[in-house]
Amino acid sequence: MSTQRDLVYNVAKAELKQGEHAKEIGNIGQTRVCVRRACGMAIEHWLEFHPNRNYGASAITMLARLQEDHTIPKEIRDAAARLTKKVDNNFETGIEEDPLKDGEMIIQYYLNPAHLKK
């Protein structure tokens, strides 16, 4: 029997898989979009257990707000910062990054059963 957490995890993983495909064909912008969507799903599920947190409604807003939440570990906040960094005219962020790795880290954190408790 699957839990809601498992369902969210599976959908987020499918989104990351789309991001992997985009990266393989050289579309890093689409990779970042897929990763942010996957993170948004995980954060949205976490927020169900933390209704007192106002992270907004979109994946971008959630990632931006979690950067300001100092109850969240720094490496998670840093990963969110990399995923929301603006691109330049060449569609580059100017930082060495692996959006898939950052997304996986955020998803693992927010869907960890220990973090879902109130």
N, C-alpha and C. Protein backbone atom coordinates (compact mmCIF):
# COMPACT_ATOMS: atom_id res chain seq x y z
N MET A 1 0.84 -1.19 0.00
CA MET A 1 0.00 0.00 0.00
C MET A 1 0.88 1.25 0.00
N SER A 2 0.64 2.10 -0.94
CA SER A 2 1.43 3.33 -1.07
C SER A 2 0.87 4.43 -0.19
N THR A 3 1.76 5.19 0.38
CA THR A 3 1.36 6.36 1.15
C THR A 3 1.36 7.57 0.23
N GLN A 4 0.77 8.65 0.69
CA GLN A 4 0.79 9.90 -0.08
C GLN A 4 2.22 10.34 -0.33
N ARG A 5 3.08 10.16 0.65
CA ARG A 5 4.50 10.51 0.52
C ARG A 5 5.12 9.73 -0.62
N ASP A 6 4.84 8.43 -0.70
CA ASP A 6 5.39 7.60 -1.77
C ASP A 6 4.91 8.07 -3.14
N LEU A 7 3.64 8.43 -3.22
CA LEU A 7 3.10 8.91 -4.49
C LEU A 7 3.79 10.20 -4.92
N VAL A 8 3.95 11.13 -3.97
CA VAL A 8 4.63 12.39 -4.28
C VAL A 8 6.06 12.11 -4.72
N TYR A 9 6.73 11.21 -4.01
CA TYR A 9 8.11 10.86 -4.35
C TYR A 9 8.20 10.30 -5.77
N ASN A 10 7.29 9.41 -6.13
CA ASN A 10 7.31 8.80 -7.46
C ASN A 10 7.06 9.83 -8.56
N VAL A 11 6.14 10.74 -8.34
CA VAL A 11 5.87 11.79 -9.34
C VAL A 11 7.07 12.73 -9.44
N ALA A 12 7.65 13.09 -8.31
CA ALA A 12 8.84 13.96 -8.31
C ALA A 12 10.00 13.27 -9.03
N LYS A 13 10.18 11.98 -8.80
CA LYS A 13 11.25 11.23 -9.46
C LYS A 13 11.02 11.19 -10.97
N ALA A 14 9.77 11.04 -11.39
CA ALA A 14 9.45 11.04 -12.82
C ALA A 14 9.81 12.40 -13.43
N GLU A 15 9.56 13.46 -12.69
CA GLU A 15 9.90 14.81 -13.17
C GLU A 15 11.42 14.95 -13.27
N LEU A 16 12.15 14.41 -12.30
CA LEU A 16 13.62 14.44 -12.36
C LEU A 16 14.13 13.65 -13.57
N LYS A 17 13.46 12.56 -13.87
CA LYS A 17 13.83 11.75 -15.04
C LYS A 17 13.69 12.57 -16.32
N GLN A 18 12.63 13.36 -16.41
CA GLN A 18 12.47 14.25 -17.57
C GLN A 18 13.61 15.27 -17.61
N GLY A 19 14.00 15.73 -16.41
CA GLY A 19 15.13 16.66 -16.32
C GLY A 19 16.43 16.03 -16.78
N GLU A 20 16.63 14.76 -16.46
CA GLU A 20 17.82 14.03 -16.92
C GLU A 20 17.84 13.97 -18.44
N HIS A 21 16.70 13.65 -19.02
CA HIS A 21 16.62 13.58 -20.48
C HIS A 21 16.94 14.93 -21.10
N ALA A 22 16.39 15.99 -20.54
CA ALA A 22 16.66 17.34 -21.05
C ALA A 22 18.15 17.65 -20.97
N LYS A 23 18.79 17.24 -19.90
CA LYS A 23 20.23 17.49 -19.75
C LYS A 23 21.02 16.72 -20.80
N GLU A 24 20.61 15.49 -21.06
CA GLU A 24 21.31 14.66 -22.05
C GLU A 24 21.28 15.28 -23.44
N ILE A 25 20.22 16.00 -23.76
CA ILE A 25 20.13 16.62 -25.09
C ILE A 25 20.61 18.07 -25.08
N GLY A 26 21.17 18.48 -23.93
CA GLY A 26 21.79 19.81 -23.85
C GLY A 26 20.85 20.94 -23.48
N ASN A 27 19.67 20.62 -23.00
CA ASN A 27 18.71 21.67 -22.63
C ASN A 27 18.71 21.85 -21.11
N ILE A 28 19.73 22.50 -20.59
CA ILE A 28 19.88 22.67 -19.14
C ILE A 28 18.78 23.55 -18.57
N GLY A 29 18.25 24.47 -19.36
CA GLY A 29 17.14 25.31 -18.90
C GLY A 29 15.92 24.45 -18.58
N GLN A 30 15.61 23.51 -19.47
CA GLN A 30 14.48 22.61 -19.22
C GLN A 30 14.78 21.70 -18.03
N THR A 31 16.03 21.31 -17.88
CA THR A 31 16.41 20.50 -16.73
C THR A 31 16.07 21.24 -15.44
N ARG A 32 16.46 22.51 -15.38
CA ARG A 32 16.19 23.31 -14.18
C ARG A 32 14.70 23.45 -13.93
N VAL A 33 13.91 23.61 -15.00
CA VAL A 33 12.45 23.72 -14.85
C VAL A 33 11.89 22.43 -14.25
N CYS A 34 12.31 21.29 -14.78
CA CYS A 34 11.82 19.99 -14.27
C CYS A 34 12.21 19.80 -12.81
N VAL A 35 13.46 20.14 -12.49
CA VAL A 35 13.93 19.98 -11.11
C VAL A 35 13.15 20.88 -10.16
N ARG A 36 12.92 22.11 -10.56
CA ARG A 36 12.17 23.02 -9.68
C ARG A 36 10.74 22.50 -9.46
N ARG A 37 10.12 21.98 -10.52
CA ARG A 37 8.77 21.42 -10.36
C ARG A 37 8.79 20.25 -9.39
N ALA A 38 9.76 19.38 -9.51
CA ALA A 38 9.87 18.22 -8.62
C ALA A 38 10.06 18.67 -7.17
N CYS A 39 10.90 19.66 -6.96
CA CYS A 39 11.12 20.20 -5.61
C CYS A 39 9.83 20.80 -5.07
N GLY A 40 9.11 21.53 -5.91
CA GLY A 40 7.84 22.12 -5.49
C GLY A 40 6.86 21.07 -4.99
N MET A 41 6.82 19.93 -5.66
CA MET A 41 5.93 18.85 -5.22
C MET A 41 6.30 18.36 -3.82
N ALA A 42 7.59 18.16 -3.59
CA ALA A 42 8.05 17.68 -2.29
C ALA A 42 7.79 18.72 -1.20
N ILE A 43 8.08 19.97 -1.48
CA ILE A 43 7.88 21.03 -0.50
C ILE A 43 6.40 21.19 -0.20
N GLU A 44 5.57 21.13 -1.23
CA GLU A 44 4.13 21.26 -1.03
C GLU A 44 3.61 20.15 -0.11
N HIS A 45 4.10 18.94 -0.29
CA HIS A 45 3.69 17.84 0.60
C HIS A 45 4.15 18.13 2.03
N TRP A 46 5.38 18.59 2.20
CA TRP A 46 5.92 18.91 3.52
C TRP A 46 5.07 19.99 4.20
N LEU A 47 4.63 20.96 3.41
CA LEU A 47 3.84 22.06 3.97
C LEU A 47 2.50 21.58 4.56
N GLU A 48 2.00 20.46 4.08
CA GLU A 48 0.78 19.90 4.65
C GLU A 48 0.99 19.55 6.12
N PHE A 49 2.21 19.23 6.49
CA PHE A 49 2.55 18.89 7.87
C PHE A 49 3.03 20.10 8.66
N HIS A 50 3.24 21.20 7.97
CA HIS A 50 3.73 22.44 8.59
C HIS A 50 2.91 23.62 8.10
N PRO A 51 1.63 23.63 8.43
CA PRO A 51 0.74 24.68 7.91
C PRO A 51 1.09 26.09 8.39
N ASN A 52 1.90 26.20 9.42
CA ASN A 52 2.28 27.52 9.92
C ASN A 52 3.38 28.17 9.08
N ARG A 53 3.94 27.44 8.12
CA ARG A 53 4.97 27.98 7.23
C ARG A 53 4.30 28.53 5.98
N ASN A 54 4.65 29.72 5.60
CA ASN A 54 4.09 30.32 4.39
C ASN A 54 5.20 30.35 3.34
N TYR A 55 5.20 29.34 2.49
CA TYR A 55 6.22 29.24 1.44
C TYR A 55 5.67 29.66 0.09
N GLY A 56 4.41 30.08 0.02
CA GLY A 56 3.83 30.48 -1.25
C GLY A 56 3.23 29.31 -2.00
N ALA A 57 2.82 29.57 -3.23
CA ALA A 57 2.08 28.56 -3.98
C ALA A 57 2.85 27.98 -5.16
N SER A 58 3.86 28.67 -5.67
CA SER A 58 4.60 28.16 -6.83
C SER A 58 5.93 27.55 -6.39
N ALA A 59 6.47 26.71 -7.23
CA ALA A 59 7.75 26.07 -6.92
C ALA A 59 8.85 27.12 -6.73
N ILE A 60 8.87 28.13 -7.58
CA ILE A 60 9.89 29.18 -7.46
C ILE A 60 9.76 29.91 -6.13
N THR A 61 8.54 30.26 -5.77
CA THR A 61 8.32 30.96 -4.50
C THR A 61 8.72 30.08 -3.33
N MET A 62 8.35 28.82 -3.39
CA MET A 62 8.71 27.90 -2.31
C MET A 62 10.22 27.79 -2.16
N LEU A 63 10.93 27.66 -3.29
CA LEU A 63 12.39 27.57 -3.24
C LEU A 63 13.01 28.86 -2.71
N ALA A 64 12.43 29.99 -3.07
CA ALA A 64 12.93 31.27 -2.58
C ALA A 64 12.69 31.40 -1.07
N ARG A 65 11.52 31.02 -0.63
CA ARG A 65 11.19 31.15 0.80
C ARG A 65 12.01 30.20 1.66
N LEU A 66 12.26 28.99 1.15
CA LEU A 66 13.02 28.06 1.98
C LEU A 66 14.43 28.56 2.19
N GLN A 67 14.95 29.37 1.26
CA GLN A 67 16.28 29.95 1.43
C GLN A 67 16.35 30.87 2.65
N GLU A 68 15.20 31.45 3.02
CA GLU A 68 15.12 32.37 4.15
C GLU A 68 14.81 31.67 5.46
N ASP A 69 14.50 30.38 5.40
CA ASP A 69 14.10 29.61 6.58
C ASP A 69 15.33 28.98 7.22
N HIS A 70 15.83 29.60 8.26
CA HIS A 70 17.07 29.13 8.89
C HIS A 70 16.88 27.91 9.77
N THR A 71 15.66 27.34 9.80
CA THR A 71 15.47 26.04 10.45
C THR A 71 15.81 24.92 9.47
N ILE A 72 16.00 25.27 8.21
CA ILE A 72 16.37 24.31 7.17
C ILE A 72 17.90 24.31 7.05
N PRO A 73 18.51 23.12 6.93
CA PRO A 73 19.97 23.07 6.84
C PRO A 73 20.53 23.91 5.69
N LYS A 74 21.71 24.47 5.92
CA LYS A 74 22.34 25.38 4.96
C LYS A 74 22.53 24.73 3.59
N GLU A 75 22.91 23.47 3.53
CA GLU A 75 23.14 22.84 2.22
C GLU A 75 21.85 22.75 1.40
N ILE A 76 20.71 22.63 2.07
CA ILE A 76 19.42 22.61 1.38
C ILE A 76 19.09 24.02 0.88
N ARG A 77 19.32 25.01 1.73
CA ARG A 77 19.09 26.40 1.32
C ARG A 77 20.01 26.80 0.17
N ASP A 78 21.26 26.34 0.21
CA ASP A 78 22.21 26.64 -0.87
C ASP A 78 21.77 25.99 -2.18
N ALA A 79 21.28 24.76 -2.10
CA ALA A 79 20.79 24.07 -3.31
C ALA A 79 19.62 24.84 -3.91
N ALA A 80 18.73 25.32 -3.06
CA ALA A 80 17.58 26.10 -3.54
C ALA A 80 18.06 27.41 -4.20
N ALA A 81 19.09 28.01 -3.63
CA ALA A 81 19.63 29.25 -4.20
C ALA A 81 20.18 29.00 -5.60
N ARG A 82 20.88 27.88 -5.78
CA ARG A 82 21.42 27.57 -7.10
C ARG A 82 20.29 27.33 -8.11
N LEU A 83 19.21 26.68 -7.66
CA LEU A 83 18.10 26.38 -8.57
C LEU A 83 17.30 27.62 -8.95
N THR A 84 17.39 28.67 -8.15
CA THR A 84 16.61 29.88 -8.45
C THR A 84 17.49 31.01 -8.99
N LYS A 85 18.78 30.77 -9.12
CA LYS A 85 19.69 31.78 -9.66
C LYS A 85 19.28 32.14 -11.08
N LYS A 86 19.23 33.41 -11.35
CA LYS A 86 18.86 33.90 -12.68
C LYS A 86 19.95 33.55 -13.69
N VAL A 87 19.52 33.29 -14.91
CA VAL A 87 20.47 33.01 -15.99
C VAL A 87 20.80 34.30 -16.73
N ASP A 88 21.97 34.31 -17.38
CA ASP A 88 22.36 35.48 -18.17
C ASP A 88 21.87 35.34 -19.61
N ASN A 89 22.34 36.20 -20.49
CA ASN A 89 21.92 36.17 -21.89
C ASN A 89 22.31 34.89 -22.61
N ASN A 90 23.29 34.18 -22.07
CA ASN A 90 23.72 32.90 -22.63
C ASN A 90 23.05 31.72 -21.94
N PHE A 91 22.06 32.03 -21.12
CA PHE A 91 21.32 31.02 -20.36
C PHE A 91 22.22 30.24 -19.40
N GLU A 92 23.17 30.95 -18.82
CA GLU A 92 24.08 30.36 -17.84
C GLU A 92 23.91 31.10 -16.52
N THR A 93 24.16 30.38 -15.42
CA THR A 93 24.02 30.98 -14.10
C THR A 93 25.33 31.56 -13.57
N GLY A 94 26.45 31.17 -14.18
CA GLY A 94 27.74 31.66 -13.71
C GLY A 94 28.30 30.86 -12.54
N ILE A 95 27.62 29.79 -12.18
CA ILE A 95 28.11 28.93 -11.10
C ILE A 95 28.14 27.49 -11.60
N GLU A 96 29.08 26.74 -11.07
CA GLU A 96 29.14 25.32 -11.37
C GLU A 96 27.99 24.66 -10.61
N GLU A 97 27.15 23.94 -11.35
CA GLU A 97 25.99 23.37 -10.68
C GLU A 97 25.58 22.06 -11.31
N ASP A 98 24.89 21.28 -10.55
CA ASP A 98 24.21 20.08 -11.05
C ASP A 98 22.79 20.17 -10.51
N PRO A 99 21.88 20.73 -11.30
CA PRO A 99 20.52 20.91 -10.80
C PRO A 99 19.86 19.60 -10.38
N LEU A 100 20.21 18.50 -11.04
CA LEU A 100 19.61 17.22 -10.67
C LEU A 100 20.05 16.79 -9.27
N LYS A 101 21.32 17.00 -8.98
CA LYS A 101 21.83 16.67 -7.64
C LYS A 101 21.18 17.57 -6.59
N ASP A 102 21.08 18.87 -6.89
CA ASP A 102 20.44 19.79 -5.95
C ASP A 102 18.98 19.40 -5.72
N GLY A 103 18.29 19.07 -6.80
CA GLY A 103 16.88 18.68 -6.67
C GLY A 103 16.71 17.42 -5.85
N GLU A 104 17.54 16.44 -6.10
CA GLU A 104 17.46 15.19 -5.33
C GLU A 104 17.68 15.46 -3.85
N MET A 105 18.64 16.32 -3.53
CA MET A 105 18.92 16.65 -2.13
C MET A 105 17.70 17.31 -1.47
N ILE A 106 17.09 18.25 -2.16
CA ILE A 106 15.92 18.95 -1.62
C ILE A 106 14.75 17.99 -1.45
N ILE A 107 14.50 17.16 -2.45
CA ILE A 107 13.40 16.20 -2.38
C ILE A 107 13.61 15.22 -1.23
N GLN A 108 14.82 14.70 -1.11
CA GLN A 108 15.11 13.76 -0.02
C GLN A 108 14.86 14.41 1.35
N TYR A 109 15.28 15.66 1.48
CA TYR A 109 15.08 16.35 2.75
C TYR A 109 13.59 16.53 3.06
N TYR A 110 12.85 17.09 2.11
CA TYR A 110 11.45 17.43 2.37
C TYR A 110 10.53 16.23 2.43
N LEU A 111 10.93 15.10 1.87
CA LEU A 111 10.08 13.91 1.96
C LEU A 111 10.58 12.91 3.00
N ASN A 112 11.61 13.28 3.72
CA ASN A 112 12.10 12.43 4.80
C ASN A 112 11.01 12.34 5.87
N PRO A 113 10.57 11.13 6.20
CA PRO A 113 9.49 10.99 7.20
C PRO A 113 9.77 11.72 8.51
N ALA A 114 11.03 11.81 8.91
CA ALA A 114 11.35 12.52 10.15
C ALA A 114 11.05 14.00 10.05
N HIS A 115 11.10 14.57 8.84
CA HIS A 115 10.83 15.99 8.66
C HIS A 115 9.36 16.29 8.40
N LEU A 116 8.57 15.24 8.20
CA LEU A 116 7.14 15.43 7.93
C LEU A 116 6.33 15.56 9.22
N LYS A 117 6.96 15.23 10.33
CA LYS A 117 6.24 15.33 11.61
C LYS A 117 6.08 16.76 12.01
N LYS A 118 4.97 17.04 12.68
CA LYS A 118 4.69 18.41 13.13
C LYS A 118 5.55 18.77 14.31
